[in-house]
Amino acid sequence: MALKEYCYINFESILIRNSWVNPLAQSHYYPDMVCNSFYGSVLSDSTCSQMRLDYPQCA
């Protein structure tokens, strides 16, 4: 792509935010997000169980 083909985007006002705002509270729900998602689990059952068991030690 030639340089002159780039399009102009006006970033006069933009908000980019990380949704990881409270790791202590959010990490409690991480196993549910990756193990019980609408799309299916991305981890094995044993890994999901271990994550739930390990949370109190990590938090």
PDB file of N, CA and C in Angstrom:
ATOM      1  N   MET A   1       0.852  -1.171   0.000  1.00  0.00           N
ATOM      2  CA  MET A   1       0.000   0.000   0.000  1.00  0.00           C
ATOM      3  C   MET A   1       0.897   1.232   0.000  1.00  0.00           C
ATOM      4  N   ALA A   2       0.664   2.106  -0.941  1.00  0.00           N
ATOM      5  CA  ALA A   2       1.431   3.349  -1.007  1.00  0.00           C
ATOM      6  C   ALA A   2       0.996   4.275   0.115  1.00  0.00           C
ATOM      7  N   LEU A   3       1.910   5.100   0.556  1.00  0.00           N
ATOM      8  CA  LEU A   3       1.643   6.007   1.672  1.00  0.00           C
ATOM      9  C   LEU A   3       0.429   6.887   1.415  1.00  0.00           C
ATOM     10  N   LYS A   4       0.244   7.346   0.204  1.00  0.00           N
ATOM     11  CA  LYS A   4      -0.878   8.239  -0.086  1.00  0.00           C
ATOM     12  C   LYS A   4      -2.232   7.530  -0.003  1.00  0.00           C
ATOM     13  N   GLU A   5      -2.239   6.200   0.095  1.00  0.00           N
ATOM     14  CA  GLU A   5      -3.495   5.460   0.167  1.00  0.00           C
ATOM     15  C   GLU A   5      -4.041   5.320   1.585  1.00  0.00           C
ATOM     16  N   TYR A   6      -3.270   5.721   2.587  1.00  0.00           N
ATOM     17  CA  TYR A   6      -3.759   5.644   3.959  1.00  0.00           C
ATOM     18  C   TYR A   6      -4.906   6.612   4.161  1.00  0.00           C
ATOM     19  N   CYS A   7      -5.870   6.225   4.958  1.00  0.00           N
ATOM     20  CA  CYS A   7      -6.986   7.125   5.207  1.00  0.00           C
ATOM     21  C   CYS A   7      -6.774   7.859   6.533  1.00  0.00           C
ATOM     22  N   TYR A   8      -7.300   9.031   6.624  1.00  0.00           N
ATOM     23  CA  TYR A   8      -7.179   9.871   7.809  1.00  0.00           C
ATOM     24  C   TYR A   8      -8.270   9.481   8.805  1.00  0.00           C
ATOM     25  N   ILE A   9      -7.896   9.291  10.050  1.00  0.00           N
ATOM     26  CA  ILE A   9      -8.852   9.013  11.123  1.00  0.00           C
ATOM     27  C   ILE A   9      -8.679  10.093  12.172  1.00  0.00           C
ATOM     28  N   ASN A  10      -9.740  10.798  12.483  1.00  0.00           N
ATOM     29  CA  ASN A  10      -9.687  11.893  13.448  1.00  0.00           C
ATOM     30  C   ASN A  10      -9.800  11.324  14.860  1.00  0.00           C
ATOM     31  N   PHE A  11      -8.707  11.373  15.602  1.00  0.00           N
ATOM     32  CA  PHE A  11      -8.691  10.892  16.975  1.00  0.00           C
ATOM     33  C   PHE A  11      -8.816  12.042  17.964  1.00  0.00           C
ATOM     34  N   GLU A  12      -9.689  12.973  17.670  1.00  0.00           N
ATOM     35  CA  GLU A  12      -9.883  14.110  18.564  1.00  0.00           C
ATOM     36  C   GLU A  12     -10.361  13.641  19.933  1.00  0.00           C
ATOM     37  N   SER A  13     -11.157  12.608  19.937  1.00  0.00           N
ATOM     38  CA  SER A  13     -11.660  12.069  21.194  1.00  0.00           C
ATOM     39  C   SER A  13     -11.675  10.546  21.088  1.00  0.00           C
ATOM     40  N   ILE A  14     -10.909   9.893  21.961  1.00  0.00           N
ATOM     41  CA  ILE A  14     -10.850   8.438  21.930  1.00  0.00           C
ATOM     42  C   ILE A  14     -10.577   7.932  23.343  1.00  0.00           C
ATOM     43  N   LEU A  15     -11.161   6.817  23.671  1.00  0.00           N
ATOM     44  CA  LEU A  15     -10.928   6.195  24.969  1.00  0.00           C
ATOM     45  C   LEU A  15     -10.519   4.749  24.723  1.00  0.00           C
ATOM     46  N   ILE A  16      -9.343   4.406  25.178  1.00  0.00           N
ATOM     47  CA  ILE A  16      -8.877   3.028  25.120  1.00  0.00           C
ATOM     48  C   ILE A  16      -8.613   2.616  26.546  1.00  0.00           C
ATOM     49  N   ARG A  17      -9.242   1.555  26.963  1.00  0.00           N
ATOM     50  CA  ARG A  17      -9.170   1.198  28.370  1.00  0.00           C
ATOM     51  C   ARG A  17      -8.943  -0.294  28.535  1.00  0.00           C
ATOM     52  N   ASN A  18      -8.206  -0.611  29.536  1.00  0.00           N
ATOM     53  CA  ASN A  18      -7.972  -2.001  29.879  1.00  0.00           C
ATOM     54  C   ASN A  18      -9.061  -2.408  30.868  1.00  0.00           C
ATOM     55  N   SER A  19      -9.739  -3.484  30.594  1.00  0.00           N
ATOM     56  CA  SER A  19     -10.830  -3.895  31.481  1.00  0.00           C
ATOM     57  C   SER A  19     -10.335  -4.635  32.718  1.00  0.00           C
ATOM     58  N   TRP A  20      -9.044  -4.799  32.870  1.00  0.00           N
ATOM     59  CA  TRP A  20      -8.450  -5.448  34.045  1.00  0.00           C
ATOM     60  C   TRP A  20      -8.304  -4.379  35.116  1.00  0.00           C
ATOM     61  N   VAL A  21      -9.430  -3.963  35.728  1.00  0.00           N
ATOM     62  CA  VAL A  21      -9.415  -2.848  36.671  1.00  0.00           C
ATOM     63  C   VAL A  21      -9.273  -3.280  38.122  1.00  0.00           C
ATOM     64  N   ASN A  22      -9.656  -4.512  38.453  1.00  0.00           N
ATOM     65  CA  ASN A  22      -9.552  -4.985  39.829  1.00  0.00           C
ATOM     66  C   ASN A  22      -9.131  -6.456  39.805  1.00  0.00           C
ATOM     67  N   PRO A  23      -7.833  -6.715  39.628  1.00  0.00           N
ATOM     68  CA  PRO A  23      -7.367  -8.094  39.482  1.00  0.00           C
ATOM     69  C   PRO A  23      -7.764  -9.014  40.632  1.00  0.00           C
ATOM     70  N   LEU A  24      -7.762  -8.517  41.852  1.00  0.00           N
ATOM     71  CA  LEU A  24      -8.108  -9.367  42.985  1.00  0.00           C
ATOM     72  C   LEU A  24      -9.547  -9.868  42.873  1.00  0.00           C
ATOM     73  N   ALA A  25     -10.454  -8.979  42.528  1.00  0.00           N
ATOM     74  CA  ALA A  25     -11.858  -9.376  42.386  1.00  0.00           C
ATOM     75  C   ALA A  25     -12.091 -10.163  41.096  1.00  0.00           C
ATOM     76  N   GLN A  26     -11.484  -9.734  40.017  1.00  0.00           N
ATOM     77  CA  GLN A  26     -11.740 -10.353  38.723  1.00  0.00           C
ATOM     78  C   GLN A  26     -11.117 -11.738  38.585  1.00  0.00           C
ATOM     79  N   SER A  27      -9.978 -11.962  39.192  1.00  0.00           N
ATOM     80  CA  SER A  27      -9.310 -13.256  39.023  1.00  0.00           C
ATOM     81  C   SER A  27     -10.115 -14.399  39.642  1.00  0.00           C
ATOM     82  N   HIS A  28     -10.982 -14.074  40.585  1.00  0.00           N
ATOM     83  CA  HIS A  28     -11.862 -15.094  41.170  1.00  0.00           C
ATOM     84  C   HIS A  28     -12.770 -15.715  40.099  1.00  0.00           C
ATOM     85  N   TYR A  29     -13.166 -14.923  39.110  1.00  0.00           N
ATOM     86  CA  TYR A  29     -14.097 -15.376  38.077  1.00  0.00           C
ATOM     87  C   TYR A  29     -13.405 -15.897  36.821  1.00  0.00           C
ATOM     88  N   TYR A  30     -12.085 -15.828  36.779  1.00  0.00           N
ATOM     89  CA  TYR A  30     -11.357 -16.270  35.591  1.00  0.00           C
ATOM     90  C   TYR A  30     -11.636 -17.729  35.229  1.00  0.00           C
ATOM     91  N   PRO A  31     -11.608 -18.663  36.193  1.00  0.00           N
ATOM     92  CA  PRO A  31     -11.920 -20.060  35.822  1.00  0.00           C
ATOM     93  C   PRO A  31     -13.300 -20.211  35.185  1.00  0.00           C
ATOM     94  N   ASP A  32     -14.279 -19.456  35.663  1.00  0.00           N
ATOM     95  CA  ASP A  32     -15.618 -19.541  35.071  1.00  0.00           C
ATOM     96  C   ASP A  32     -15.619 -19.028  33.635  1.00  0.00           C
ATOM     97  N   MET A  33     -14.854 -17.974  33.378  1.00  0.00           N
ATOM     98  CA  MET A  33     -14.811 -17.416  32.025  1.00  0.00           C
ATOM     99  C   MET A  33     -14.164 -18.383  31.039  1.00  0.00           C
ATOM    100  N   VAL A  34     -13.078 -19.040  31.443  1.00  0.00           N
ATOM    101  CA  VAL A  34     -12.368 -19.910  30.499  1.00  0.00           C
ATOM    102  C   VAL A  34     -12.862 -21.351  30.520  1.00  0.00           C
ATOM    103  N   CYS A  35     -13.586 -21.730  31.572  1.00  0.00           N
ATOM    104  CA  CYS A  35     -14.027 -23.125  31.698  1.00  0.00           C
ATOM    105  C   CYS A  35     -15.517 -23.313  31.445  1.00  0.00           C
ATOM    106  N   ASN A  36     -16.307 -22.275  31.569  1.00  0.00           N
ATOM    107  CA  ASN A  36     -17.761 -22.389  31.396  1.00  0.00           C
ATOM    108  C   ASN A  36     -18.292 -21.379  30.395  1.00  0.00           C
ATOM    109  N   SER A  37     -17.515 -21.070  29.399  1.00  0.00           N
ATOM    110  CA  SER A  37     -17.937 -20.069  28.439  1.00  0.00           C
ATOM    111  C   SER A  37     -19.011 -20.630  27.508  1.00  0.00           C
ATOM    112  N   PHE A  38     -19.734 -19.757  26.883  1.00  0.00           N
ATOM    113  CA  PHE A  38     -20.746 -20.122  25.892  1.00  0.00           C
ATOM    114  C   PHE A  38     -20.129 -20.964  24.772  1.00  0.00           C
ATOM    115  N   TYR A  39     -18.865 -20.708  24.476  1.00  0.00           N
ATOM    116  CA  TYR A  39     -18.175 -21.395  23.383  1.00  0.00           C
ATOM    117  C   TYR A  39     -17.505 -22.688  23.823  1.00  0.00           C
ATOM    118  N   GLY A  40     -17.607 -23.019  25.087  1.00  0.00           N
ATOM    119  CA  GLY A  40     -16.974 -24.223  25.601  1.00  0.00           C
ATOM    120  C   GLY A  40     -15.677 -23.903  26.322  1.00  0.00           C
ATOM    121  N   SER A  41     -15.176 -24.858  27.036  1.00  0.00           N
ATOM    122  CA  SER A  41     -13.963 -24.667  27.818  1.00  0.00           C
ATOM    123  C   SER A  41     -12.735 -24.642  26.920  1.00  0.00           C
ATOM    124  N   VAL A  42     -11.792 -23.798  27.276  1.00  0.00           N
ATOM    125  CA  VAL A  42     -10.519 -23.777  26.553  1.00  0.00           C
ATOM    126  C   VAL A  42      -9.436 -24.500  27.347  1.00  0.00           C
ATOM    127  N   LEU A  43      -9.797 -24.986  28.537  1.00  0.00           N
ATOM    128  CA  LEU A  43      -8.866 -25.720  29.393  1.00  0.00           C
ATOM    129  C   LEU A  43      -9.467 -27.066  29.770  1.00  0.00           C
ATOM    130  N   SER A  44      -8.638 -27.966  30.224  1.00  0.00           N
ATOM    131  CA  SER A  44      -9.124 -29.277  30.661  1.00  0.00           C
ATOM    132  C   SER A  44      -9.887 -29.142  31.979  1.00  0.00           C
ATOM    133  N   ASP A  45     -10.712 -30.119  32.278  1.00  0.00           N
ATOM    134  CA  ASP A  45     -11.463 -30.117  33.540  1.00  0.00           C
ATOM    135  C   ASP A  45     -10.526 -30.096  34.739  1.00  0.00           C
ATOM    136  N   SER A  46      -9.438 -30.840  34.661  1.00  0.00           N
ATOM    137  CA  SER A  46      -8.505 -30.880  35.793  1.00  0.00           C
ATOM    138  C   SER A  46      -7.825 -29.527  36.007  1.00  0.00           C
ATOM    139  N   THR A  47      -7.503 -28.832  34.925  1.00  0.00           N
ATOM    140  CA  THR A  47      -6.901 -27.502  35.051  1.00  0.00           C
ATOM    141  C   THR A  47      -7.899 -26.526  35.650  1.00  0.00           C
ATOM    142  N   CYS A  48      -9.143 -26.594  35.207  1.00  0.00           N
ATOM    143  CA  CYS A  48     -10.184 -25.714  35.749  1.00  0.00           C
ATOM    144  C   CYS A  48     -10.378 -25.961  37.240  1.00  0.00           C
ATOM    145  N   SER A  49     -10.421 -27.206  37.637  1.00  0.00           N
ATOM    146  CA  SER A  49     -10.576 -27.544  39.057  1.00  0.00           C
ATOM    147  C   SER A  49      -9.395 -27.033  39.867  1.00  0.00           C
ATOM    148  N   GLN A  50      -8.204 -27.200  39.333  1.00  0.00           N
ATOM    149  CA  GLN A  50      -7.009 -26.750  40.049  1.00  0.00           C
ATOM    150  C   GLN A  50      -6.981 -25.228  40.181  1.00  0.00           C
ATOM    151  N   MET A  51      -7.437 -24.527  39.169  1.00  0.00           N
ATOM    152  CA  MET A  51      -7.492 -23.061  39.242  1.00  0.00           C
ATOM    153  C   MET A  51      -8.411 -22.623  40.374  1.00  0.00           C
ATOM    154  N   ARG A  52      -9.548 -23.280  40.488  1.00  0.00           N
ATOM    155  CA  ARG A  52     -10.492 -22.927  41.557  1.00  0.00           C
ATOM    156  C   ARG A  52      -9.901 -23.230  42.937  1.00  0.00           C
ATOM    157  N   LEU A  53      -9.184 -24.332  43.048  1.00  0.00           N
ATOM    158  CA  LEU A  53      -8.557 -24.686  44.325  1.00  0.00           C
ATOM    159  C   LEU A  53      -7.417 -23.733  44.685  1.00  0.00           C
ATOM    160  N   ASP A  54      -6.695 -23.262  43.692  1.00  0.00           N
ATOM    161  CA  ASP A  54      -5.532 -22.407  43.933  1.00  0.00           C
ATOM    162  C   ASP A  54      -5.882 -20.950  44.198  1.00  0.00           C
ATOM    163  N   TYR A  55      -7.080 -20.521  43.830  1.00  0.00           N
ATOM    164  CA  TYR A  55      -7.429 -19.104  43.963  1.00  0.00           C
ATOM    165  C   TYR A  55      -7.197 -18.539  45.368  1.00  0.00           C
ATOM    166  N   PRO A  56      -7.642 -19.197  46.439  1.00  0.00           N
ATOM    167  CA  PRO A  56      -7.428 -18.615  47.775  1.00  0.00           C
ATOM    168  C   PRO A  56      -5.949 -18.357  48.090  1.00  0.00           C
ATOM    169  N   GLN A  57      -5.074 -19.203  47.594  1.00  0.00           N
ATOM    170  CA  GLN A  57      -3.644 -19.009  47.823  1.00  0.00           C
ATOM    171  C   GLN A  57      -3.120 -17.820  47.014  1.00  0.00           C
ATOM    172  N   CYS A  58      -3.674 -17.598  45.858  1.00  0.00           N
ATOM    173  CA  CYS A  58      -3.190 -16.535  44.974  1.00  0.00           C
ATOM    174  C   CYS A  58      -3.773 -15.173  45.326  1.00  0.00           C
ATOM    175  N   ALA A  59      -4.946 -15.153  45.897  1.00  0.00           N
ATOM    176  CA  ALA A  59      -5.622 -13.877  46.161  1.00  0.00           C
ATOM    177  C   ALA A  59      -5.147 -13.238  47.441  1.00  0.00           C
TER     178      ALA A  59
END
